[in-house]
């Protein structure tokens, strides 16, 4: 609250009132001469800054004439400019503006004040500038709070759209508003949320991401904490750092996709892996969703089944009969070189060479127990897929009327 100022002579008050316009002009010239940020503003923003300076001097004049009143500074001084101005100039720059006005008035005290009023006028300017500085801080705090709440709402909507796979125009506009319109290399991470308020949990991990200088979106979905990272080739090191902000249990990293609008695929893999990870109690933390293919297939994830077929079964079948038979025999025989060589009537070194080729073709090393288990399941899934396709084709032969009846229409009858 502004301090009570003893009334000075009417001559000083009239002098300040007459000089208001000149003081505003002098304050603008002072800012242009001393601050690069002011010169770099657009013409529109400079005009708004000038209005703020003019309003500040006018409010000071009114207060100085009747110091018993305490003006509402945030309205009197900053009410002339739009709230968007807080995005153009920072709080520090606003304080530069206040300082410019104070310097200009102090420089003209000798001309403004009547004889004997100089010291009182200086003290009044300093007290009033302090009130203006506090008012500026209040305006910026309010704008930051409102913007933070709105950004948090947008962030939650974007994360929810990613989880739902809704890459529509509304998601694009919201993502662009958050600065994610051009972010590449995006991955979704899912884990359990720690105990506590959801907003505080998100704020903690958001601050950690800011310290690490990474693009990050986060939201608490039920008991899950979902984080979207962008702009990274490999998110694993960052997630190991952020793991402390998740609750107990597994943390699953979805595959990296080109951009946010393809992140639904990464989200589905991460959520599926989070559900299936309970079947692998010794899973690393964090763990890639692709390392949980076995558990995801057992949990009924059709995407994981397709990945197994595409990455393992099909490459093995197209690489040649020898590799496919070697993989099958090696896995069925318990992983022995000698026993596999005897069954296939080849030298153990041939088996060793083929295992190396299998590793190159599929990316899985059959000498590693878990990777061997993945390949074994992939072979079973692939055989089931091929078998079901063959049975479907056989069921089509000679059953055209029944098929049309199932599909809801009569069989085609006519001639070509």
Protein backbone atom coordinates (compact mmCIF):
# COMPACT_ATOMS: atom_id res chain seq x y z
CA UNK A 1 0.00 0.00 0.00
CA UNK A 2 1.35 3.40 -0.90
CA UNK A 3 2.62 5.51 2.00
CA UNK A 4 0.88 8.74 2.97
CA UNK A 5 2.70 11.65 1.31
CA UNK A 6 2.57 15.13 2.88
CA UNK A 7 0.94 17.61 0.53
CA UNK A 8 3.45 19.90 -1.24
CA UNK A 9 2.78 23.27 -2.78
CA UNK A 10 0.11 23.69 -5.42
CA UNK A 11 2.79 25.05 -7.74
CA UNK A 12 4.62 21.68 -7.72
CA UNK A 13 1.40 19.79 -8.37
CA UNK A 14 0.49 22.02 -11.30
CA UNK A 15 4.00 21.70 -12.72
CA UNK A 16 3.85 17.89 -12.62
CA UNK A 17 0.43 17.87 -14.26
CA UNK A 18 1.56 20.21 -17.06
CA UNK A 19 4.69 18.12 -17.67
CA UNK A 20 2.99 14.70 -17.88
CA UNK A 21 3.12 14.45 -21.67
CA UNK A 22 6.72 15.65 -21.81
CA UNK A 23 7.74 13.17 -19.13
CA UNK A 24 6.13 10.30 -21.05
CA UNK A 25 7.99 11.28 -24.21
CA UNK A 26 11.24 11.59 -22.29
CA UNK A 27 10.71 8.14 -20.73
CA UNK A 28 10.23 6.56 -24.19
CA UNK A 29 13.38 8.28 -25.48
CA UNK A 30 15.28 7.08 -22.42
CA UNK A 31 14.24 3.46 -23.05
CA UNK A 32 15.11 3.67 -26.73
CA UNK A 33 18.54 5.04 -25.89
CA UNK A 34 19.39 2.59 -23.12
CA UNK A 35 17.62 -0.75 -23.86
CA UNK A 36 18.13 -2.97 -26.92
CA UNK A 37 14.99 -5.00 -26.14
CA UNK A 38 12.84 -1.87 -26.53
CA UNK A 39 14.28 -1.07 -29.95
CA UNK A 40 13.63 -4.65 -31.10
CA UNK A 41 9.92 -4.57 -30.22
CA UNK A 42 7.29 -4.29 -32.93
CA UNK A 43 5.69 -0.90 -33.50
CA UNK A 44 2.47 -2.14 -31.88
CA UNK A 45 4.22 -3.42 -28.74
CA UNK A 46 6.25 -0.21 -28.46
CA UNK A 47 3.06 1.80 -28.56
CA UNK A 48 1.61 -0.33 -25.76
CA UNK A 49 4.76 0.14 -23.67
CA UNK A 50 4.48 3.88 -24.27
CA UNK A 51 0.89 3.80 -23.03
CA UNK A 52 1.98 1.97 -19.90
CA UNK A 53 4.62 4.64 -19.22
CA UNK A 54 2.09 7.40 -19.86
CA UNK A 55 -0.49 5.74 -17.59
CA UNK A 56 2.11 5.36 -14.85
CA UNK A 57 2.98 9.06 -14.93
CA UNK A 58 -0.70 10.04 -15.04
CA UNK A 59 -1.47 7.80 -12.05
CA UNK A 60 1.47 9.29 -10.14
CA UNK A 61 0.22 12.79 -10.89
CA UNK A 62 -3.25 11.95 -9.57
CA UNK A 63 -1.81 10.33 -6.45
CA UNK A 64 0.59 13.19 -5.81
CA UNK A 65 -2.27 15.68 -5.93
CA UNK A 66 -4.23 13.71 -3.32
CA UNK A 67 -1.88 11.32 -1.49
CA UNK A 68 -4.66 10.26 0.90
CA UNK A 69 -6.02 7.99 -1.87
CA UNK A 70 -4.39 4.64 -2.64
CA UNK A 71 -4.87 3.92 -6.37
CA UNK A 72 -5.34 0.40 -7.71
CA UNK A 73 -2.04 0.37 -9.55
CA UNK A 74 -2.51 -2.81 -11.56
CA UNK A 75 -5.62 -1.25 -13.10
CA UNK A 76 -4.45 2.38 -13.33
CA UNK A 77 -1.02 1.61 -14.78
CA UNK A 78 -1.28 -1.71 -16.59
CA UNK A 79 -4.97 -1.72 -17.48
CA UNK A 80 -4.26 0.19 -20.73
CA UNK A 81 -2.20 -2.66 -22.23
CA UNK A 82 -3.44 -6.10 -23.24
CA UNK A 83 -2.39 -9.11 -21.17
CA UNK A 84 -0.64 -10.45 -24.28
CA UNK A 85 2.01 -7.79 -23.68
CA UNK A 86 3.38 -10.00 -20.89
CA UNK A 87 4.44 -12.42 -23.64
CA UNK A 88 6.36 -9.68 -25.48
CA UNK A 89 8.26 -8.14 -22.58
CA UNK A 90 9.50 -9.83 -19.44
CA UNK A 91 9.10 -8.74 -15.85
CA UNK A 92 12.73 -7.58 -15.83
CA UNK A 93 12.05 -5.43 -18.87
CA UNK A 94 8.95 -3.99 -17.19
CA UNK A 95 11.15 -3.01 -14.25
CA UNK A 96 13.47 -1.33 -16.77
CA UNK A 97 10.44 0.66 -17.86
CA UNK A 98 9.71 1.70 -14.27
CA UNK A 99 13.35 2.62 -13.78
CA UNK A 100 13.30 4.78 -16.91
CA UNK A 101 10.29 6.74 -15.68
CA UNK A 102 11.92 7.23 -12.26
CA UNK A 103 15.19 8.40 -13.83
CA UNK A 104 13.39 10.88 -16.07
CA UNK A 105 11.35 12.35 -13.22
CA UNK A 106 14.38 12.51 -10.93
CA UNK A 107 16.38 14.31 -13.62
CA UNK A 108 13.61 16.94 -13.88
CA UNK A 109 12.96 17.37 -10.17
CA UNK A 110 14.67 20.76 -10.15
CA UNK A 111 12.37 22.02 -12.91
CA UNK A 112 9.19 20.31 -11.61
CA UNK A 113 9.37 21.10 -7.90
CA UNK A 114 8.75 24.44 -6.37
CA UNK A 115 11.56 25.77 -4.18
CA UNK A 116 11.76 23.62 -1.05
CA UNK A 117 9.72 20.72 -2.49
CA UNK A 118 12.61 18.90 -4.23
CA UNK A 119 13.32 16.31 -1.53
CA UNK A 120 9.65 15.52 -0.94
CA UNK A 121 9.10 15.03 -4.68
CA UNK A 122 12.07 12.65 -4.94
CA UNK A 123 10.78 10.57 -2.02
CA UNK A 124 7.29 10.49 -3.51
CA UNK A 125 8.64 9.23 -6.86
CA UNK A 126 10.64 6.48 -5.15
CA UNK A 127 7.70 5.34 -3.04
CA UNK A 128 5.36 5.32 -6.01
CA UNK A 129 7.85 3.45 -8.22
CA UNK A 130 8.06 0.77 -5.53
CA UNK A 131 4.30 0.34 -5.65
CA UNK A 132 4.37 0.18 -9.45
CA UNK A 133 7.08 -2.51 -9.32
CA UNK A 134 4.96 -4.62 -6.95
CA UNK A 135 1.94 -4.12 -9.18
CA UNK A 136 3.95 -5.28 -12.20
CA UNK A 137 5.00 -8.40 -10.34
CA UNK A 138 1.35 -9.07 -9.50
CA UNK A 139 0.28 -8.69 -13.13
CA UNK A 140 3.00 -11.06 -14.35
CA UNK A 141 2.28 -13.58 -11.59
CA UNK A 142 -1.40 -13.60 -12.50
CA UNK A 143 -0.64 -13.97 -16.22
CA UNK A 144 1.83 -16.79 -15.52
CA UNK A 145 -0.65 -18.60 -13.28
CA UNK A 146 -3.43 -18.35 -15.86
CA UNK A 147 -1.13 -19.40 -18.67
CA UNK A 148 0.23 -22.29 -16.61
CA UNK A 149 -3.26 -23.58 -15.84
CA UNK A 150 -4.26 -23.33 -19.49
CA UNK A 151 -1.07 -25.02 -20.68
CA UNK A 152 -1.58 -27.82 -18.16
CA UNK A 153 -5.11 -28.36 -19.48
CA UNK A 154 -3.83 -28.43 -23.08
CA UNK A 155 -1.06 -30.83 -22.10
CA UNK A 156 -3.52 -33.22 -20.48
CA UNK A 157 -5.76 -33.12 -23.58
CA UNK A 158 -2.83 -33.82 -25.91
CA UNK A 159 -1.62 -36.79 -23.84
CA UNK A 160 -5.17 -38.15 -23.70
CA UNK A 161 -5.49 -37.79 -27.50
CA UNK A 162 -2.21 -39.66 -27.98
CA UNK A 163 -3.39 -42.52 -25.77
CA UNK A 164 -6.64 -42.70 -27.71
CA UNK A 165 -4.85 -42.51 -31.06
CA UNK A 166 -6.83 -39.41 -32.07
CA UNK A 167 -4.40 -37.50 -34.27
CA UNK A 168 -7.00 -35.05 -35.56
CA UNK A 169 -6.98 -31.31 -36.26
CA UNK A 170 -7.86 -30.39 -32.67
CA UNK A 171 -4.88 -32.33 -31.35
CA UNK A 172 -2.64 -30.67 -33.93
CA UNK A 173 -3.71 -27.18 -32.89
CA UNK A 174 -3.27 -27.98 -29.19
CA UNK A 175 0.14 -29.53 -29.78
CA UNK A 176 1.21 -26.50 -31.80
CA UNK A 177 0.08 -24.21 -28.97
CA UNK A 178 2.39 -26.18 -26.65
CA UNK A 179 5.30 -25.91 -29.10
CA UNK A 180 5.11 -29.54 -30.21
CA UNK A 181 4.09 -28.92 -33.81
CA UNK A 182 7.54 -29.72 -35.21
CA UNK A 183 9.04 -31.99 -32.52
CA UNK A 184 10.51 -35.19 -33.95
CA UNK A 185 11.66 -38.53 -32.50
CA UNK A 186 8.80 -38.99 -30.05
CA UNK A 187 8.38 -41.85 -27.58
CA UNK A 188 5.71 -42.56 -24.96
CA UNK A 189 6.67 -43.86 -21.52
CA UNK A 190 4.20 -45.44 -19.12
CA UNK A 191 4.57 -46.31 -15.46
CA UNK A 192 2.66 -46.15 -12.21
CA UNK A 193 2.00 -42.77 -10.69
CA UNK A 194 3.42 -42.12 -7.21
CA UNK A 195 1.14 -41.26 -4.32
CA UNK A 196 0.11 -37.64 -4.06
CA UNK A 197 -1.72 -34.93 -5.95
CA UNK A 198 -1.72 -35.56 -9.72
CA UNK A 199 -0.94 -31.92 -10.54
CA UNK A 200 2.07 -31.95 -8.21
CA UNK A 201 3.33 -35.20 -9.72
CA UNK A 202 3.14 -33.74 -13.24
CA UNK A 203 4.75 -30.48 -12.14
CA UNK A 204 7.70 -32.31 -10.56
CA UNK A 205 8.46 -34.34 -13.66
CA UNK A 206 7.92 -31.29 -15.88
CA UNK A 207 10.50 -29.34 -13.87
CA UNK A 208 12.91 -32.25 -14.09
CA UNK A 209 12.47 -32.31 -17.87
CA UNK A 210 13.15 -28.58 -17.99
CA UNK A 211 16.38 -29.05 -16.06
CA UNK A 212 17.40 -31.81 -18.46
CA UNK A 213 16.45 -29.54 -21.40
CA UNK A 214 14.20 -32.10 -23.07
CA UNK A 215 10.79 -31.74 -24.71
CA UNK A 216 8.32 -33.34 -22.32
CA UNK A 217 4.57 -33.73 -21.90
CA UNK A 218 3.09 -35.57 -18.93
CA UNK A 219 -0.27 -36.50 -17.45
CA UNK A 220 -1.65 -38.80 -14.77
CA UNK A 221 -4.23 -41.18 -16.24
CA UNK A 222 -5.91 -43.03 -13.39
CA UNK A 223 -3.08 -44.81 -11.60
CA UNK A 224 -0.71 -44.44 -14.56
CA UNK A 225 1.83 -41.71 -15.17
CA UNK A 226 2.30 -41.18 -18.91
CA UNK A 227 5.22 -39.14 -20.23
CA UNK A 228 5.86 -38.16 -23.84
CA UNK A 229 9.44 -37.30 -24.74
CA UNK A 230 10.51 -35.68 -27.99
CA UNK A 231 13.62 -34.56 -29.83
CA UNK A 232 15.78 -37.50 -28.68
CA UNK A 233 17.37 -40.31 -30.64
CA UNK A 234 17.53 -42.51 -27.52
CA UNK A 235 15.17 -41.77 -24.63
CA UNK A 236 16.51 -44.52 -22.33
CA UNK A 237 19.18 -42.40 -20.55
CA UNK A 238 16.65 -39.63 -19.88
CA UNK A 239 14.07 -42.06 -18.52
CA UNK A 240 16.64 -43.61 -16.19
CA UNK A 241 17.09 -40.11 -14.76
CA UNK A 242 13.34 -39.48 -14.57
CA UNK A 243 12.53 -42.91 -13.07
CA UNK A 244 12.60 -41.47 -9.54
CA UNK A 245 9.44 -39.49 -10.31
CA UNK A 246 7.42 -42.63 -11.13
CA UNK A 247 5.76 -44.89 -8.60
CA UNK A 248 6.82 -48.45 -7.81
CA UNK A 249 6.64 -51.04 -10.58
CA UNK A 250 7.77 -51.27 -14.17
CA UNK A 251 8.43 -48.34 -16.48
CA UNK A 252 7.88 -49.19 -20.14
CA UNK A 253 9.28 -47.23 -23.09
CA UNK A 254 7.29 -47.35 -26.31
CA UNK A 255 9.06 -47.37 -29.69
CA UNK A 256 10.29 -44.05 -31.06
CA UNK A 257 8.09 -42.65 -33.83
CA UNK A 258 8.76 -39.76 -36.25
CA UNK A 259 6.44 -37.18 -34.65
CA UNK A 260 3.70 -36.63 -32.10
CA UNK A 261 0.89 -37.45 -34.52
CA UNK A 262 2.24 -41.00 -34.86
CA UNK A 263 2.71 -41.38 -31.10
CA UNK A 264 -0.44 -43.47 -30.71
CA UNK A 265 1.54 -46.51 -31.84
CA UNK A 266 4.20 -45.84 -29.20
CA UNK A 267 1.51 -45.28 -26.55
CA UNK A 268 -0.28 -48.55 -27.32
CA UNK A 269 2.97 -50.48 -27.02
CA UNK A 270 3.91 -48.77 -23.76
CA UNK A 271 0.49 -49.32 -22.14
CA UNK A 272 0.37 -52.92 -23.35
CA UNK A 273 3.88 -53.51 -21.99
CA UNK A 274 2.96 -51.94 -18.65
CA UNK A 275 0.07 -54.40 -18.27
CA UNK A 276 2.09 -57.41 -19.43
CA UNK A 277 5.29 -56.63 -17.49
CA UNK A 278 3.91 -58.32 -14.37
CA UNK A 279 4.63 -61.64 -16.13
CA UNK A 280 8.36 -60.78 -16.12
CA UNK A 281 9.15 -59.87 -12.49
CA UNK A 282 12.87 -59.46 -13.22
CA UNK A 283 12.36 -57.02 -16.10
CA UNK A 284 14.78 -54.08 -16.07
CA UNK A 285 13.46 -50.67 -15.02
CA UNK A 286 12.94 -49.03 -17.42
CA UNK A 287 12.30 -51.64 -20.09
CA UNK A 288 11.58 -51.28 -23.79
CA UNK A 289 8.15 -52.38 -24.95
CA UNK A 290 9.87 -54.43 -27.67
CA UNK A 291 11.65 -56.42 -24.95
CA UNK A 292 8.25 -57.47 -23.63
CA UNK A 293 6.98 -59.10 -26.83
CA UNK A 294 6.61 -62.48 -25.13
CA UNK A 295 4.48 -61.12 -22.31
CA UNK A 296 2.47 -58.88 -24.62
CA UNK A 297 1.62 -61.80 -26.92
CA UNK A 298 0.57 -63.91 -23.95
CA UNK A 299 -1.64 -61.02 -22.80
CA UNK A 300 -3.39 -60.99 -26.16
CA UNK A 301 -1.69 -58.02 -27.84
CA UNK A 302 -2.30 -58.55 -31.56
CA UNK A 303 0.22 -55.84 -32.46
CA UNK A 304 2.93 -57.77 -30.62
CA UNK A 305 1.93 -60.94 -32.52
CA UNK A 306 2.26 -59.10 -35.80
CA UNK A 307 5.66 -57.72 -34.79
CA UNK A 308 6.89 -61.20 -33.96
CA UNK A 309 5.78 -62.52 -37.32
CA UNK A 310 7.22 -59.57 -39.25
CA UNK A 311 10.54 -59.42 -37.39
CA UNK A 312 11.29 -63.09 -36.81
CA UNK A 313 9.05 -65.62 -38.55
CA UNK A 314 8.92 -64.07 -42.02
CA UNK A 315 12.66 -63.23 -42.21
CA UNK A 316 13.49 -66.80 -41.20
CA UNK A 317 11.14 -68.36 -43.75
CA UNK A 318 12.44 -66.12 -46.54
CA UNK A 319 16.09 -66.61 -45.57
CA UNK A 320 15.99 -70.23 -46.63
CA UNK A 321 14.97 -73.65 -45.44
CA UNK A 322 18.33 -74.34 -43.79
CA UNK A 323 18.13 -71.44 -41.37
CA UNK A 324 14.50 -72.15 -40.48
CA UNK A 325 15.21 -75.84 -39.81
CA UNK A 326 18.33 -75.00 -37.81
CA UNK A 327 16.42 -72.56 -35.59
CA UNK A 328 13.61 -75.03 -35.03
CA UNK A 329 15.90 -77.98 -34.31
CA UNK A 330 18.23 -75.96 -32.06
CA UNK A 331 15.34 -74.65 -29.97
CA UNK A 332 13.49 -77.98 -29.80
CA UNK A 333 16.69 -79.77 -28.78
CA UNK A 334 17.40 -77.53 -25.83
CA UNK A 335 20.07 -75.37 -27.46
CA UNK A 336 22.87 -77.88 -28.02
CA UNK A 337 25.29 -77.51 -30.95
CA UNK A 338 26.26 -81.17 -31.10
CA UNK A 339 22.71 -82.52 -30.85
CA UNK A 340 21.47 -80.06 -33.49
CA UNK A 341 24.31 -81.06 -35.82
CA UNK A 342 23.46 -84.75 -35.42
CA UNK A 343 19.78 -84.24 -36.20
CA UNK A 344 20.57 -82.13 -39.27
CA UNK A 345 23.50 -84.34 -40.40
CA UNK A 346 25.87 -81.37 -40.56
CA UNK A 347 29.07 -80.33 -38.80
CA UNK A 348 28.75 -78.39 -35.51
CA UNK A 349 30.64 -75.51 -37.13
CA UNK A 350 27.87 -75.34 -39.75
CA UNK A 351 25.31 -75.05 -36.97
CA UNK A 352 27.43 -72.33 -35.35
CA UNK A 353 27.61 -70.43 -38.65
CA UNK A 354 23.85 -70.72 -39.21
CA UNK A 355 23.12 -69.46 -35.70
CA UNK A 356 25.21 -66.40 -36.51
CA UNK A 357 23.19 -65.90 -39.69
CA UNK A 358 19.94 -66.26 -37.74
CA UNK A 359 21.12 -63.53 -35.38
CA UNK A 360 21.82 -61.24 -38.32
CA UNK A 361 18.49 -61.98 -40.03
CA UNK A 362 16.25 -61.66 -36.96
CA UNK A 363 18.27 -59.59 -34.51
CA UNK A 364 17.94 -62.30 -31.88
CA UNK A 365 20.76 -64.44 -30.46
CA UNK A 366 19.54 -68.00 -29.84
CA UNK A 367 22.34 -68.60 -27.32
CA UNK A 368 20.69 -66.03 -25.04
CA UNK A 369 17.86 -67.74 -23.11
CA UNK A 370 15.31 -64.95 -23.25
CA UNK A 371 15.98 -64.16 -26.91
CA UNK A 372 15.72 -67.86 -27.71
CA UNK A 373 12.38 -67.91 -25.91
CA UNK A 374 11.20 -64.97 -28.02
CA UNK A 375 12.16 -66.71 -31.26
CA UNK A 376 10.55 -69.94 -30.14
CA UNK A 377 7.25 -68.16 -29.46
CA UNK A 378 7.54 -66.27 -32.76
CA UNK A 379 7.83 -69.56 -34.66
CA UNK A 380 4.72 -70.86 -32.91
CA UNK A 381 2.77 -67.66 -33.59
CA UNK A 382 3.88 -67.68 -37.21
CA UNK A 383 2.82 -71.30 -37.73
CA UNK A 384 -0.58 -70.58 -36.20
CA UNK A 385 -1.01 -67.58 -38.46
CA UNK A 386 -0.16 -69.55 -41.59
CA UNK A 387 -2.35 -72.48 -40.50
CA UNK A 388 -5.36 -70.26 -39.84
CA UNK A 389 -4.95 -68.58 -43.23
CA UNK A 390 -4.88 -71.96 -44.99
CA UNK A 391 -7.96 -73.16 -43.13
CA UNK A 392 -9.81 -69.98 -44.10
CA UNK A 393 -8.94 -70.46 -47.76
CA UNK A 394 -10.08 -74.10 -47.64
CA UNK A 395 -13.33 -73.03 -46.01
CA UNK A 396 -13.99 -70.71 -48.94
CA UNK A 397 -13.77 -73.47 -51.54
CA UNK A 398 -17.26 -74.67 -52.50
CA UNK A 399 -19.02 -72.61 -49.85
CA UNK A 400 -19.77 -69.42 -51.78
CA UNK A 401 -23.56 -69.46 -51.03
CA UNK A 402 -22.98 -69.94 -47.31
CA UNK A 403 -20.35 -67.17 -47.29
CA UNK A 404 -22.69 -64.76 -49.01
CA UNK A 405 -25.38 -65.63 -46.53
CA UNK A 406 -22.96 -64.83 -43.68
CA UNK A 407 -21.98 -61.58 -45.33
CA UNK A 408 -25.63 -60.59 -45.68
CA UNK A 409 -26.25 -60.90 -49.41
CA UNK A 410 -27.20 -63.51 -52.02
CA UNK A 411 -24.59 -65.17 -54.19
CA UNK A 412 -23.91 -63.56 -57.53
CA UNK A 413 -25.82 -65.26 -60.34
CA UNK A 414 -25.32 -64.28 -63.96
CA UNK A 415 -23.01 -64.38 -66.88
CA UNK A 416 -20.12 -62.24 -67.87
